[in-house]
């Protein structure tokens, strides 16, 4: 498992929108899709998507009822790749959708080519304590190359794409698009008083400063 990530926002949880999003993803990833495991939502498991998968030779699996741990692979990146970047606000206008789609385009490049992760290789229990052994930190791009599953043409194109990227430029673009998206939400009618977090991820400056003051008060003699 290489950990490759793709993000594609859709305007509504409809069958047609889901199929079109998967087709856009399928066209840009450097490897074929063998199987998909969607969430148990009617917009994601439906007759239209089932027919599309059969036509494209893609297997489809689903989680068992009342077995929420089956969705671990589906849900694991909801925080690190989605909520951590764009929060919990509702982006329900076409201009917001277009900005979010552009943001995900840069984010997928940053995450796949420049964000290394460590994967668990072994886990042993010694005297009641669990010892975990992790492999080296590698990016999804590196893991994909090391897998040996890419065709020669796809591997060459992937290397060329990597050499054309600049991580600093990517991150500045991501930051710029996030700010633009947040401003659009803050300026929407009826959103008076909403101020999205911009500095740091998942923490506001005001909350951090207040916690530091309280910490100093508790620890002062």
N, C-alpha and C. Protein backbone atom coordinates (compact mmCIF):
# COMPACT_ATOMS: atom_id res chain seq x y z
N UNK A 1 0.85 -1.19 0.00
CA UNK A 1 0.00 0.00 0.00
C UNK A 1 0.89 1.24 0.00
N UNK A 2 0.75 2.09 -1.00
CA UNK A 2 1.65 3.23 -1.15
C UNK A 2 1.12 4.49 -0.49
N UNK A 3 -0.17 4.57 -0.18
CA UNK A 3 -0.73 5.74 0.48
C UNK A 3 -1.01 6.91 -0.44
N UNK A 4 -1.18 6.64 -1.73
CA UNK A 4 -1.48 7.72 -2.69
C UNK A 4 -2.86 8.31 -2.38
N UNK A 5 -2.96 9.65 -2.46
CA UNK A 5 -4.21 10.31 -2.11
C UNK A 5 -4.68 11.23 -3.24
N UNK A 6 -5.99 11.21 -3.47
CA UNK A 6 -6.62 12.11 -4.43
C UNK A 6 -7.85 12.72 -3.78
N UNK A 7 -8.06 14.01 -4.00
CA UNK A 7 -9.24 14.68 -3.49
C UNK A 7 -10.04 15.28 -4.62
N UNK A 8 -11.35 15.08 -4.59
CA UNK A 8 -12.21 15.60 -5.65
C UNK A 8 -13.54 16.02 -5.04
N UNK A 9 -13.78 17.32 -4.87
CA UNK A 9 -15.06 17.76 -4.31
C UNK A 9 -16.19 17.61 -5.33
N UNK A 10 -17.39 17.36 -4.83
CA UNK A 10 -18.56 17.25 -5.71
C UNK A 10 -19.63 18.20 -5.20
N UNK A 11 -20.46 18.74 -6.09
CA UNK A 11 -21.46 19.73 -5.67
C UNK A 11 -22.60 19.13 -4.85
N UNK A 12 -22.86 17.84 -5.00
CA UNK A 12 -23.94 17.19 -4.25
C UNK A 12 -23.68 15.69 -4.24
N UNK A 13 -24.22 15.00 -3.25
CA UNK A 13 -24.01 13.56 -3.15
C UNK A 13 -25.00 12.83 -4.03
N UNK A 14 -24.83 13.02 -5.34
CA UNK A 14 -25.68 12.34 -6.30
C UNK A 14 -24.88 11.25 -7.01
N UNK A 15 -25.60 10.33 -7.63
CA UNK A 15 -24.93 9.24 -8.33
C UNK A 15 -24.06 9.75 -9.47
N UNK A 16 -24.59 10.67 -10.25
CA UNK A 16 -23.87 11.18 -11.42
C UNK A 16 -22.61 11.95 -11.00
N UNK A 17 -22.73 12.80 -9.95
CA UNK A 17 -21.59 13.57 -9.49
C UNK A 17 -20.48 12.66 -8.97
N UNK A 18 -20.85 11.59 -8.28
CA UNK A 18 -19.86 10.65 -7.76
C UNK A 18 -19.13 9.94 -8.90
N UNK A 19 -19.88 9.50 -9.90
CA UNK A 19 -19.26 8.83 -11.05
C UNK A 19 -18.30 9.75 -11.79
N UNK A 20 -18.71 11.00 -12.00
CA UNK A 20 -17.85 11.95 -12.71
C UNK A 20 -16.59 12.24 -11.92
N UNK A 21 -16.70 12.32 -10.59
CA UNK A 21 -15.52 12.58 -9.76
C UNK A 21 -14.53 11.41 -9.84
N UNK A 22 -15.04 10.19 -9.79
CA UNK A 22 -14.16 9.02 -9.88
C UNK A 22 -13.50 8.95 -11.24
N UNK A 23 -14.22 9.31 -12.28
CA UNK A 23 -13.64 9.31 -13.62
C UNK A 23 -12.51 10.34 -13.73
N UNK A 24 -12.68 11.53 -13.14
CA UNK A 24 -11.62 12.54 -13.16
C UNK A 24 -10.39 12.04 -12.42
N UNK A 25 -10.62 11.37 -11.29
CA UNK A 25 -9.50 10.81 -10.53
C UNK A 25 -8.80 9.72 -11.34
N UNK A 26 -9.60 8.86 -11.95
CA UNK A 26 -9.04 7.74 -12.72
C UNK A 26 -8.17 8.22 -13.88
N UNK A 27 -8.53 9.36 -14.47
CA UNK A 27 -7.78 9.88 -15.61
C UNK A 27 -6.42 10.46 -15.23
N UNK A 28 -6.26 10.91 -13.98
CA UNK A 28 -5.01 11.59 -13.63
C UNK A 28 -4.05 10.78 -12.77
N UNK A 29 -4.50 9.68 -12.16
CA UNK A 29 -3.57 8.91 -11.35
C UNK A 29 -2.67 8.06 -12.25
N UNK A 30 -1.45 7.78 -11.80
CA UNK A 30 -0.47 7.10 -12.67
C UNK A 30 -0.60 5.58 -12.69
N UNK A 31 -1.66 5.03 -12.12
CA UNK A 31 -1.83 3.58 -12.09
C UNK A 31 -3.31 3.26 -12.24
N UNK A 32 -3.65 2.08 -12.70
CA UNK A 32 -5.08 1.73 -12.87
C UNK A 32 -5.74 1.43 -11.53
N UNK A 33 -7.02 1.69 -11.44
CA UNK A 33 -7.80 1.36 -10.24
C UNK A 33 -8.29 -0.07 -10.36
N UNK A 34 -7.95 -0.90 -9.39
CA UNK A 34 -8.40 -2.29 -9.39
C UNK A 34 -9.67 -2.49 -8.58
N UNK A 35 -9.78 -1.74 -7.49
CA UNK A 35 -10.93 -1.93 -6.61
C UNK A 35 -11.21 -0.63 -5.87
N UNK A 36 -12.46 -0.35 -5.58
CA UNK A 36 -12.83 0.78 -4.74
C UNK A 36 -13.64 0.26 -3.55
N UNK A 37 -13.48 0.95 -2.42
CA UNK A 37 -14.21 0.58 -1.21
C UNK A 37 -14.86 1.84 -0.67
N UNK A 38 -16.03 2.21 -1.16
CA UNK A 38 -16.67 3.47 -0.75
C UNK A 38 -17.36 3.36 0.60
N UNK A 39 -17.72 4.53 1.12
CA UNK A 39 -18.53 4.58 2.32
C UNK A 39 -19.94 4.06 1.99
N UNK A 40 -20.67 3.63 3.02
CA UNK A 40 -22.01 3.07 2.81
C UNK A 40 -23.04 4.17 2.66
N UNK A 41 -22.87 5.01 1.69
CA UNK A 41 -23.77 6.12 1.44
C UNK A 41 -24.45 5.90 0.09
N UNK A 42 -25.71 6.29 -0.02
CA UNK A 42 -26.43 6.07 -1.26
C UNK A 42 -25.83 6.80 -2.44
N UNK A 43 -25.12 7.92 -2.17
CA UNK A 43 -24.47 8.63 -3.25
C UNK A 43 -23.20 7.95 -3.71
N UNK A 44 -22.68 7.01 -2.90
CA UNK A 44 -21.42 6.34 -3.22
C UNK A 44 -21.60 4.88 -3.60
N UNK A 45 -22.64 4.25 -3.12
CA UNK A 45 -22.96 2.88 -3.52
C UNK A 45 -24.33 2.92 -4.19
N UNK A 46 -24.34 2.77 -5.50
CA UNK A 46 -25.60 2.88 -6.23
C UNK A 46 -25.48 2.13 -7.55
N UNK A 47 -26.59 2.00 -8.25
CA UNK A 47 -26.62 1.24 -9.50
C UNK A 47 -25.76 1.88 -10.57
N UNK A 48 -25.74 3.21 -10.64
CA UNK A 48 -24.95 3.89 -11.67
C UNK A 48 -23.46 3.64 -11.47
N UNK A 49 -22.99 3.75 -10.21
CA UNK A 49 -21.57 3.52 -9.95
C UNK A 49 -21.21 2.05 -10.13
N UNK A 50 -22.13 1.15 -9.76
CA UNK A 50 -21.90 -0.28 -9.95
C UNK A 50 -21.74 -0.61 -11.43
N UNK A 51 -22.59 -0.04 -12.27
CA UNK A 51 -22.48 -0.26 -13.71
C UNK A 51 -21.19 0.32 -14.27
N UNK A 52 -20.81 1.49 -13.77
CA UNK A 52 -19.56 2.12 -14.21
C UNK A 52 -18.35 1.24 -13.87
N UNK A 53 -18.34 0.70 -12.65
CA UNK A 53 -17.21 -0.14 -12.23
C UNK A 53 -17.14 -1.42 -13.06
N UNK A 54 -18.28 -2.01 -13.36
CA UNK A 54 -18.27 -3.22 -14.19
C UNK A 54 -17.77 -2.90 -15.60
N UNK A 55 -18.15 -1.75 -16.12
CA UNK A 55 -17.71 -1.35 -17.46
C UNK A 55 -16.20 -1.12 -17.51
N UNK A 56 -15.63 -0.55 -16.44
CA UNK A 56 -14.21 -0.24 -16.40
C UNK A 56 -13.36 -1.36 -15.81
N UNK A 57 -13.98 -2.45 -15.42
CA UNK A 57 -13.23 -3.57 -14.84
C UNK A 57 -12.71 -3.29 -13.45
N UNK A 58 -13.49 -2.55 -12.65
CA UNK A 58 -13.09 -2.19 -11.29
C UNK A 58 -13.95 -2.98 -10.30
N UNK A 59 -13.32 -3.66 -9.38
CA UNK A 59 -14.07 -4.37 -8.35
C UNK A 59 -14.58 -3.36 -7.31
N UNK A 60 -15.66 -3.70 -6.65
CA UNK A 60 -16.22 -2.84 -5.62
C UNK A 60 -16.51 -3.68 -4.38
N UNK A 61 -16.06 -3.19 -3.24
CA UNK A 61 -16.36 -3.82 -1.96
C UNK A 61 -17.06 -2.81 -1.06
N UNK A 62 -17.66 -3.29 -0.01
CA UNK A 62 -18.37 -2.40 0.90
C UNK A 62 -18.20 -2.91 2.33
N UNK A 63 -18.44 -2.02 3.28
CA UNK A 63 -18.32 -2.39 4.69
C UNK A 63 -19.52 -3.22 5.12
N UNK A 64 -19.30 -4.09 6.11
CA UNK A 64 -20.38 -4.90 6.64
C UNK A 64 -21.27 -4.05 7.55
N UNK A 65 -22.55 -4.32 7.57
CA UNK A 65 -23.44 -3.57 8.48
C UNK A 65 -23.01 -3.75 9.93
N UNK A 66 -23.04 -2.66 10.70
CA UNK A 66 -22.74 -2.64 12.12
C UNK A 66 -21.28 -3.00 12.44
N UNK A 67 -20.42 -2.92 11.43
CA UNK A 67 -18.98 -3.17 11.64
C UNK A 67 -18.23 -1.89 11.25
N UNK A 68 -18.25 -0.90 12.13
CA UNK A 68 -17.72 0.41 11.78
C UNK A 68 -16.21 0.39 11.53
N UNK A 69 -15.50 -0.59 12.08
CA UNK A 69 -14.06 -0.66 11.85
C UNK A 69 -13.72 -1.02 10.41
N UNK A 70 -14.69 -1.54 9.67
CA UNK A 70 -14.45 -1.84 8.25
C UNK A 70 -14.17 -0.57 7.45
N UNK A 71 -14.60 0.57 7.96
CA UNK A 71 -14.43 1.83 7.24
C UNK A 71 -13.15 2.56 7.61
N UNK A 72 -12.26 1.90 8.31
CA UNK A 72 -11.04 2.58 8.76
C UNK A 72 -10.23 3.13 7.58
N UNK A 73 -10.15 2.36 6.50
CA UNK A 73 -9.37 2.82 5.34
C UNK A 73 -10.05 3.99 4.65
N UNK A 74 -11.37 4.06 4.75
CA UNK A 74 -12.10 5.15 4.12
C UNK A 74 -11.95 6.43 4.93
N UNK A 75 -12.02 6.30 6.25
CA UNK A 75 -12.09 7.46 7.12
C UNK A 75 -10.74 8.00 7.55
N UNK A 76 -9.65 7.25 7.36
CA UNK A 76 -8.39 7.59 8.02
C UNK A 76 -7.81 8.94 7.59
N UNK A 77 -8.14 9.41 6.40
CA UNK A 77 -7.57 10.67 5.94
C UNK A 77 -8.56 11.83 6.01
N UNK A 78 -9.73 11.61 6.59
CA UNK A 78 -10.70 12.70 6.70
C UNK A 78 -10.15 13.85 7.53
N UNK A 79 -9.31 13.55 8.52
CA UNK A 79 -8.75 14.63 9.35
C UNK A 79 -7.50 15.22 8.71
N UNK A 80 -6.50 14.40 8.42
CA UNK A 80 -5.20 14.93 7.97
C UNK A 80 -5.27 15.58 6.60
N UNK A 81 -6.13 15.09 5.71
CA UNK A 81 -6.13 15.58 4.33
C UNK A 81 -7.32 16.47 3.99
N UNK A 82 -8.34 16.48 4.85
CA UNK A 82 -9.53 17.28 4.53
C UNK A 82 -9.81 18.30 5.64
N UNK A 83 -10.27 17.81 6.80
CA UNK A 83 -10.68 18.73 7.86
C UNK A 83 -9.53 19.59 8.36
N UNK A 84 -8.35 19.03 8.43
CA UNK A 84 -7.19 19.78 8.90
C UNK A 84 -6.83 20.91 7.95
N UNK A 85 -7.20 20.76 6.68
CA UNK A 85 -6.86 21.78 5.68
C UNK A 85 -7.98 22.78 5.47
N UNK A 86 -9.23 22.33 5.40
CA UNK A 86 -10.32 23.25 5.05
C UNK A 86 -11.40 23.33 6.11
N UNK A 87 -11.23 22.64 7.24
CA UNK A 87 -12.17 22.80 8.35
C UNK A 87 -13.49 22.08 8.12
N UNK A 88 -14.50 22.50 8.87
CA UNK A 88 -15.80 21.84 8.88
C UNK A 88 -16.91 22.71 8.27
N UNK A 89 -16.52 23.79 7.63
CA UNK A 89 -17.53 24.67 7.04
C UNK A 89 -18.20 24.01 5.83
N UNK A 90 -19.37 24.50 5.49
CA UNK A 90 -20.11 23.99 4.34
C UNK A 90 -19.80 24.86 3.13
N UNK A 91 -19.18 24.26 2.13
CA UNK A 91 -18.86 24.98 0.89
C UNK A 91 -19.89 24.57 -0.15
N UNK A 92 -20.91 25.38 -0.31
CA UNK A 92 -22.08 24.97 -1.09
C UNK A 92 -22.37 25.86 -2.29
N UNK A 93 -21.41 26.69 -2.70
CA UNK A 93 -21.61 27.50 -3.90
C UNK A 93 -20.62 27.07 -4.97
N UNK A 94 -20.92 27.36 -6.22
CA UNK A 94 -20.04 26.96 -7.30
C UNK A 94 -18.67 27.64 -7.22
N UNK A 95 -18.57 28.96 -6.91
CA UNK A 95 -17.24 29.56 -6.75
C UNK A 95 -16.40 28.86 -5.68
N UNK A 96 -17.04 28.49 -4.55
CA UNK A 96 -16.31 27.78 -3.50
C UNK A 96 -15.86 26.41 -3.98
N UNK A 97 -16.72 25.74 -4.73
CA UNK A 97 -16.37 24.42 -5.26
C UNK A 97 -15.16 24.50 -6.18
N UNK A 98 -15.10 25.52 -7.02
CA UNK A 98 -13.99 25.66 -7.96
C UNK A 98 -12.69 25.95 -7.24
N UNK A 99 -12.74 26.79 -6.20
CA UNK A 99 -11.54 27.07 -5.41
C UNK A 99 -11.09 25.81 -4.67
N UNK A 100 -12.05 25.08 -4.10
CA UNK A 100 -11.73 23.85 -3.38
C UNK A 100 -11.12 22.81 -4.32
N UNK A 101 -11.63 22.73 -5.54
CA UNK A 101 -11.08 21.78 -6.51
C UNK A 101 -9.64 22.16 -6.88
N UNK A 102 -9.39 23.45 -7.05
CA UNK A 102 -8.02 23.90 -7.35
C UNK A 102 -7.10 23.64 -6.16
N UNK A 103 -7.60 23.86 -4.95
CA UNK A 103 -6.81 23.61 -3.74
C UNK A 103 -6.42 22.14 -3.65
N UNK A 104 -7.38 21.25 -3.90
CA UNK A 104 -7.09 19.81 -3.85
C UNK A 104 -6.08 19.40 -4.91
N UNK A 105 -6.07 20.09 -6.04
CA UNK A 105 -5.11 19.77 -7.09
C UNK A 105 -3.68 20.02 -6.62
N UNK A 106 -3.47 21.13 -5.93
CA UNK A 106 -2.13 21.41 -5.38
C UNK A 106 -1.84 20.54 -4.16
N UNK A 107 -2.87 20.28 -3.36
CA UNK A 107 -2.67 19.49 -2.15
C UNK A 107 -2.29 18.05 -2.49
N UNK A 108 -2.88 17.49 -3.52
CA UNK A 108 -2.55 16.12 -3.90
C UNK A 108 -1.09 16.01 -4.33
N UNK A 109 -0.56 17.04 -5.00
CA UNK A 109 0.84 17.04 -5.40
C UNK A 109 1.75 17.13 -4.17
N UNK A 110 1.36 18.00 -3.24
CA UNK A 110 2.17 18.16 -2.02
C UNK A 110 2.18 16.87 -1.19
N UNK A 111 1.00 16.29 -0.99
CA UNK A 111 0.91 15.09 -0.15
C UNK A 111 1.59 13.89 -0.80
N UNK A 112 1.40 13.72 -2.09
CA UNK A 112 1.91 12.52 -2.76
C UNK A 112 3.41 12.57 -3.06
N UNK A 113 3.93 13.76 -3.34
CA UNK A 113 5.33 13.86 -3.74
C UNK A 113 6.27 14.33 -2.63
N UNK A 114 5.73 15.00 -1.60
CA UNK A 114 6.63 15.62 -0.63
C UNK A 114 6.28 15.34 0.83
N UNK A 115 5.23 14.59 1.11
CA UNK A 115 4.84 14.34 2.50
C UNK A 115 5.14 12.89 2.86
N UNK A 116 6.28 12.63 3.54
CA UNK A 116 6.62 11.25 3.88
C UNK A 116 5.79 10.72 5.05
N UNK A 117 5.61 9.43 5.06
CA UNK A 117 4.91 8.76 6.15
C UNK A 117 5.67 7.49 6.52
N UNK A 118 5.46 7.05 7.75
CA UNK A 118 6.05 5.79 8.21
C UNK A 118 4.94 4.76 8.33
N UNK A 119 5.25 3.54 7.97
CA UNK A 119 4.25 2.48 8.04
C UNK A 119 4.71 1.39 9.01
N UNK A 120 3.73 0.86 9.72
CA UNK A 120 4.02 -0.18 10.70
C UNK A 120 4.46 -1.47 10.00
N UNK A 121 5.61 -2.00 10.43
CA UNK A 121 6.12 -3.24 9.83
C UNK A 121 5.88 -4.46 10.72
N UNK A 122 5.97 -4.26 12.04
CA UNK A 122 5.74 -5.39 12.93
C UNK A 122 5.27 -4.87 14.30
N UNK A 123 4.60 -5.75 15.02
CA UNK A 123 4.11 -5.41 16.35
C UNK A 123 4.22 -6.63 17.23
N UNK A 124 4.96 -6.51 18.32
CA UNK A 124 5.17 -7.64 19.22
C UNK A 124 4.83 -7.22 20.65
N UNK A 125 4.37 -8.17 21.43
CA UNK A 125 4.04 -7.93 22.83
C UNK A 125 5.12 -8.56 23.72
N UNK A 126 5.75 -7.74 24.55
CA UNK A 126 6.79 -8.21 25.46
C UNK A 126 6.42 -7.79 26.88
N UNK A 127 6.14 -8.78 27.73
CA UNK A 127 5.79 -8.53 29.14
C UNK A 127 4.66 -7.50 29.27
N UNK A 128 3.64 -7.67 28.49
CA UNK A 128 2.48 -6.81 28.58
C UNK A 128 2.59 -5.50 27.84
N UNK A 129 3.74 -5.21 27.25
CA UNK A 129 3.93 -3.97 26.50
C UNK A 129 4.04 -4.28 25.01
N UNK A 130 3.41 -3.43 24.21
CA UNK A 130 3.44 -3.61 22.76
C UNK A 130 4.58 -2.78 22.17
N UNK A 131 5.45 -3.43 21.41
CA UNK A 131 6.56 -2.76 20.75
C UNK A 131 6.29 -2.75 19.25
N UNK A 132 6.28 -1.57 18.70
CA UNK A 132 6.00 -1.41 17.28
C UNK A 132 7.28 -1.05 16.53
N UNK A 133 7.44 -1.66 15.38
CA UNK A 133 8.60 -1.41 14.52
C UNK A 133 8.11 -0.77 13.22
N UNK A 134 8.61 0.43 12.92
CA UNK A 134 8.18 1.16 11.73
C UNK A 134 9.29 1.16 10.68
N UNK A 135 8.86 1.21 9.44
CA UNK A 135 9.80 1.29 8.34
C UNK A 135 10.27 2.71 8.12
N UNK A 136 11.13 2.93 7.13
CA UNK A 136 11.63 4.28 6.86
C UNK A 136 10.52 5.21 6.37
N UNK A 137 10.69 6.49 6.62
CA UNK A 137 9.72 7.48 6.15
C UNK A 137 9.89 7.70 4.66
N UNK A 138 8.84 7.42 3.90
CA UNK A 138 8.87 7.57 2.44
C UNK A 138 7.60 8.27 1.98
N UNK A 139 7.69 8.99 0.89
CA UNK A 139 6.51 9.62 0.31
C UNK A 139 5.75 8.58 -0.52
N UNK A 140 4.46 8.80 -0.77
CA UNK A 140 3.72 7.90 -1.67
C UNK A 140 4.39 7.77 -3.04
N UNK A 141 4.98 8.85 -3.52
CA UNK A 141 5.70 8.82 -4.79
C UNK A 141 6.85 7.82 -4.73
N UNK A 142 7.64 7.85 -3.66
CA UNK A 142 8.76 6.92 -3.52
C UNK A 142 8.27 5.48 -3.37
N UNK A 143 7.21 5.30 -2.61
CA UNK A 143 6.68 3.94 -2.43
C UNK A 143 6.14 3.39 -3.75
N UNK A 144 5.55 4.26 -4.55
CA UNK A 144 5.00 3.83 -5.82
C UNK A 144 6.12 3.40 -6.77
N UNK A 145 7.21 4.16 -6.79
CA UNK A 145 8.34 3.78 -7.63
C UNK A 145 8.97 2.47 -7.15
N UNK A 146 9.08 2.31 -5.83
CA UNK A 146 9.70 1.11 -5.28
C UNK A 146 8.83 -0.13 -5.44
N UNK A 147 7.53 0.06 -5.69
CA UNK A 147 6.63 -1.08 -5.80
C UNK A 147 6.88 -1.91 -7.06
N UNK A 148 7.46 -1.28 -8.09
CA UNK A 148 7.73 -1.99 -9.33
C UNK A 148 6.48 -2.31 -10.14
N UNK A 149 5.36 -1.68 -9.84
CA UNK A 149 4.11 -1.99 -10.51
C UNK A 149 3.77 -1.01 -11.63
N UNK A 150 4.56 0.03 -11.76
CA UNK A 150 4.28 1.02 -12.79
C UNK A 150 4.83 0.58 -14.14
N UNK A 151 4.13 0.92 -15.17
CA UNK A 151 4.66 0.71 -16.51
C UNK A 151 5.78 1.72 -16.76
N UNK A 152 6.66 1.38 -17.69
CA UNK A 152 7.83 2.23 -17.92
C UNK A 152 7.43 3.65 -18.33
N UNK A 153 6.42 3.77 -19.17
CA UNK A 153 5.98 5.09 -19.61
C UNK A 153 5.41 5.89 -18.45
N UNK A 154 4.59 5.24 -17.61
CA UNK A 154 3.99 5.92 -16.47
C UNK A 154 5.06 6.33 -15.46
N UNK A 155 6.05 5.47 -15.26
CA UNK A 155 7.13 5.81 -14.33
C UNK A 155 7.94 7.01 -14.83
N UNK A 156 8.22 7.05 -16.12
CA UNK A 156 8.96 8.18 -16.70
C UNK A 156 8.18 9.48 -16.54
N UNK A 157 6.88 9.44 -16.81
CA UNK A 157 6.05 10.64 -16.68
C UNK A 157 5.98 11.10 -15.23
N UNK A 158 5.92 10.13 -14.30
CA UNK A 158 5.85 10.47 -12.89
C UNK A 158 7.15 11.14 -12.42
N UNK A 159 8.29 10.62 -12.88
CA UNK A 159 9.57 11.24 -12.52
C UNK A 159 9.68 12.65 -13.09
N UNK A 160 9.23 12.83 -14.30
CA UNK A 160 9.26 14.16 -14.91
C UNK A 160 8.37 15.13 -14.15
N UNK A 161 7.22 14.65 -13.72
CA UNK A 161 6.32 15.51 -12.95
C UNK A 161 6.96 15.91 -11.63
N UNK A 162 7.61 14.97 -10.97
CA UNK A 162 8.28 15.27 -9.70
C UNK A 162 9.37 16.31 -9.88
N UNK A 163 10.17 16.17 -10.93
CA UNK A 163 11.27 17.11 -11.17
C UNK A 163 10.77 18.51 -11.52
N UNK A 164 9.53 18.63 -11.97
CA UNK A 164 9.00 19.93 -12.35
C UNK A 164 8.37 20.68 -11.16
N UNK A 165 8.26 20.00 -10.01
CA UNK A 165 7.57 20.59 -8.87
C UNK A 165 8.54 21.28 -7.92
N UNK A 166 8.02 22.29 -7.22
CA UNK A 166 8.76 23.02 -6.19
C UNK A 166 7.89 23.02 -4.94
N UNK A 167 8.37 22.39 -3.87
CA UNK A 167 7.55 22.22 -2.68
C UNK A 167 7.18 23.56 -2.05
N UNK A 168 8.07 24.54 -2.09
CA UNK A 168 7.77 25.85 -1.50
C UNK A 168 6.66 26.55 -2.29
N UNK A 169 6.72 26.46 -3.60
CA UNK A 169 5.69 27.06 -4.45
C UNK A 169 4.34 26.38 -4.20
N UNK A 170 4.37 25.05 -4.08
CA UNK A 170 3.13 24.32 -3.82
C UNK A 170 2.49 24.76 -2.51
N UNK A 171 3.29 24.85 -1.45
CA UNK A 171 2.72 25.21 -0.16
C UNK A 171 2.20 26.64 -0.15
N UNK A 172 2.91 27.56 -0.80
CA UNK A 172 2.41 28.94 -0.87
C UNK A 172 1.09 29.01 -1.61
N UNK A 173 0.96 28.20 -2.66
CA UNK A 173 -0.29 28.18 -3.42
C UNK A 173 -1.42 27.58 -2.58
N UNK A 174 -1.13 26.53 -1.83
CA UNK A 174 -2.12 25.93 -0.95
C UNK A 174 -2.59 26.93 0.09
N UNK A 175 -1.65 27.64 0.70
CA UNK A 175 -1.99 28.64 1.71
C UNK A 175 -2.83 29.77 1.12
N UNK A 176 -2.47 30.19 -0.09
CA UNK A 176 -3.23 31.26 -0.76
C UNK A 176 -4.66 30.83 -1.06
N UNK A 177 -4.84 29.62 -1.53
CA UNK A 177 -6.17 29.13 -1.87
C UNK A 177 -7.01 28.90 -0.62
N UNK A 178 -6.40 28.45 0.46
CA UNK A 178 -7.13 28.30 1.72
C UNK A 178 -7.64 29.64 2.20
N UNK A 179 -6.79 30.65 2.16
CA UNK A 179 -7.22 31.98 2.58
C UNK A 179 -8.36 32.49 1.71
N UNK A 180 -8.26 32.25 0.39
CA UNK A 180 -9.32 32.69 -0.51
C UNK A 180 -10.63 31.97 -0.19
N UNK A 181 -10.55 30.68 0.09
CA UNK A 181 -11.74 29.90 0.41
C UNK A 181 -12.36 30.38 1.73
N UNK A 182 -11.52 30.64 2.71
CA UNK A 182 -12.03 31.10 4.01
C UNK A 182 -12.67 32.49 3.89
N UNK A 183 -12.08 33.35 3.09
CA UNK A 183 -12.66 34.68 2.90
C UNK A 183 -14.04 34.59 2.24
N UNK A 184 -14.17 33.66 1.30
CA UNK A 184 -15.46 33.49 0.63
C UNK A 184 -16.53 33.07 1.62
N UNK A 185 -16.19 32.19 2.57
CA UNK A 185 -17.16 31.75 3.57
C UNK A 185 -17.48 32.88 4.53
N UNK A 186 -16.46 33.60 4.95
CA UNK A 186 -16.67 34.69 5.91
C UNK A 186 -17.51 35.82 5.33
N UNK A 187 -17.46 36.01 4.01
CA UNK A 187 -18.19 37.09 3.37
C UNK A 187 -19.56 36.68 2.84
N UNK A 188 -19.96 35.44 3.07
CA UNK A 188 -21.27 35.00 2.62
C UNK A 188 -22.37 35.65 3.44
N UNK A 189 -23.52 35.93 2.84
CA UNK A 189 -24.65 36.48 3.62
C UNK A 189 -25.06 35.54 4.74
N UNK A 190 -25.26 36.11 5.92
CA UNK A 190 -25.67 35.31 7.06
C UNK A 190 -24.52 34.69 7.82
N UNK A 191 -23.25 34.98 7.43
CA UNK A 191 -22.11 34.40 8.11
C UNK A 191 -21.39 35.40 8.99
N UNK A 192 -22.10 36.46 9.41
CA UNK A 192 -21.48 37.47 10.26
C UNK A 192 -21.01 36.82 11.56
N UNK A 193 -19.80 37.17 11.94
CA UNK A 193 -19.23 36.64 13.18
C UNK A 193 -18.39 35.40 12.98
N UNK A 194 -18.48 34.78 11.80
CA UNK A 194 -17.66 33.59 11.53
C UNK A 194 -16.25 34.03 11.18
N UNK A 195 -15.27 33.48 11.88
CA UNK A 195 -13.87 33.75 11.55
C UNK A 195 -13.13 32.42 11.58
N UNK A 196 -12.75 31.96 10.43
CA UNK A 196 -12.10 30.66 10.33
C UNK A 196 -10.66 30.75 10.77
N UNK A 197 -10.14 29.64 11.23
CA UNK A 197 -8.77 29.60 11.73
C UNK A 197 -7.80 29.60 10.56
N UNK A 198 -6.86 30.52 10.58
CA UNK A 198 -5.91 30.64 9.49
C UNK A 198 -4.49 30.34 9.93
N UNK A 199 -4.14 30.72 11.15
CA UNK A 199 -2.78 30.52 11.63
C UNK A 199 -2.70 29.22 12.40
N UNK A 200 -1.88 28.30 11.87
CA UNK A 200 -1.82 27.00 12.49
C UNK A 200 -3.00 26.17 12.05
N UNK A 201 -2.90 24.89 12.21
CA UNK A 201 -3.97 24.00 11.77
C UNK A 201 -4.63 23.38 12.99
N UNK A 202 -5.94 23.59 13.11
CA UNK A 202 -6.67 22.99 14.21
C UNK A 202 -6.54 23.73 15.52
N UNK A 203 -5.97 24.92 15.54
CA UNK A 203 -5.84 25.68 16.77
C UNK A 203 -5.90 27.16 16.44
N UNK A 204 -6.57 27.92 17.24
CA UNK A 204 -6.67 29.36 17.00
C UNK A 204 -5.64 30.08 17.84
N UNK A 205 -5.20 31.26 17.38
CA UNK A 205 -4.22 32.04 18.11
C UNK A 205 -4.78 32.42 19.48
N UNK A 206 -6.07 32.81 19.53
CA UNK A 206 -6.66 33.23 20.79
C UNK A 206 -6.66 32.09 21.79
N UNK A 207 -7.04 30.89 21.35
CA UNK A 207 -7.08 29.75 22.27
C UNK A 207 -5.69 29.39 22.74
N UNK A 208 -4.71 29.43 21.84
CA UNK A 208 -3.33 29.10 22.22
C UNK A 208 -2.80 30.10 23.22
N UNK A 209 -3.03 31.41 22.99
CA UNK A 209 -2.55 32.44 23.91
C UNK A 209 -3.19 32.29 25.28
N UNK A 210 -4.51 32.00 25.32
CA UNK A 210 -5.20 31.84 26.59
C UNK A 210 -4.65 30.65 27.36
N UNK A 211 -4.35 29.56 26.66
CA UNK A 211 -3.82 28.38 27.33
C UNK A 211 -2.44 28.66 27.91
N UNK A 212 -1.64 29.49 27.20
CA UNK A 212 -0.31 29.82 27.71
C UNK A 212 -0.41 30.67 28.98
N UNK A 213 -1.36 31.60 29.01
CA UNK A 213 -1.55 32.43 30.21
C UNK A 213 -1.95 31.57 31.39
N UNK A 214 -2.92 30.67 31.17
CA UNK A 214 -3.36 29.79 32.24
C UNK A 214 -2.24 28.88 32.72
N UNK A 215 -1.42 28.43 31.78
CA UNK A 215 -0.30 27.58 32.15
C UNK A 215 0.67 28.34 33.05
N UNK A 216 0.98 29.59 32.69
CA UNK A 216 1.89 30.38 33.50
C UNK A 216 1.31 30.66 34.89
N UNK A 217 -0.01 30.88 34.96
CA UNK A 217 -0.64 31.12 36.25
C UNK A 217 -0.57 29.87 37.15
N UNK A 218 -0.75 28.72 36.53
CA UNK A 218 -0.73 27.48 37.32
C UNK A 218 0.68 27.15 37.81
N UNK A 219 1.68 27.49 36.99
CA UNK A 219 3.04 27.09 37.33
C UNK A 219 3.81 28.17 38.07
N UNK A 220 3.25 29.37 38.19
CA UNK A 220 3.96 30.45 38.89
C UNK A 220 3.97 30.18 40.38
N UNK A 221 5.07 30.54 41.10
CA UNK A 221 5.16 30.28 42.55
C UNK A 221 4.18 31.15 43.34
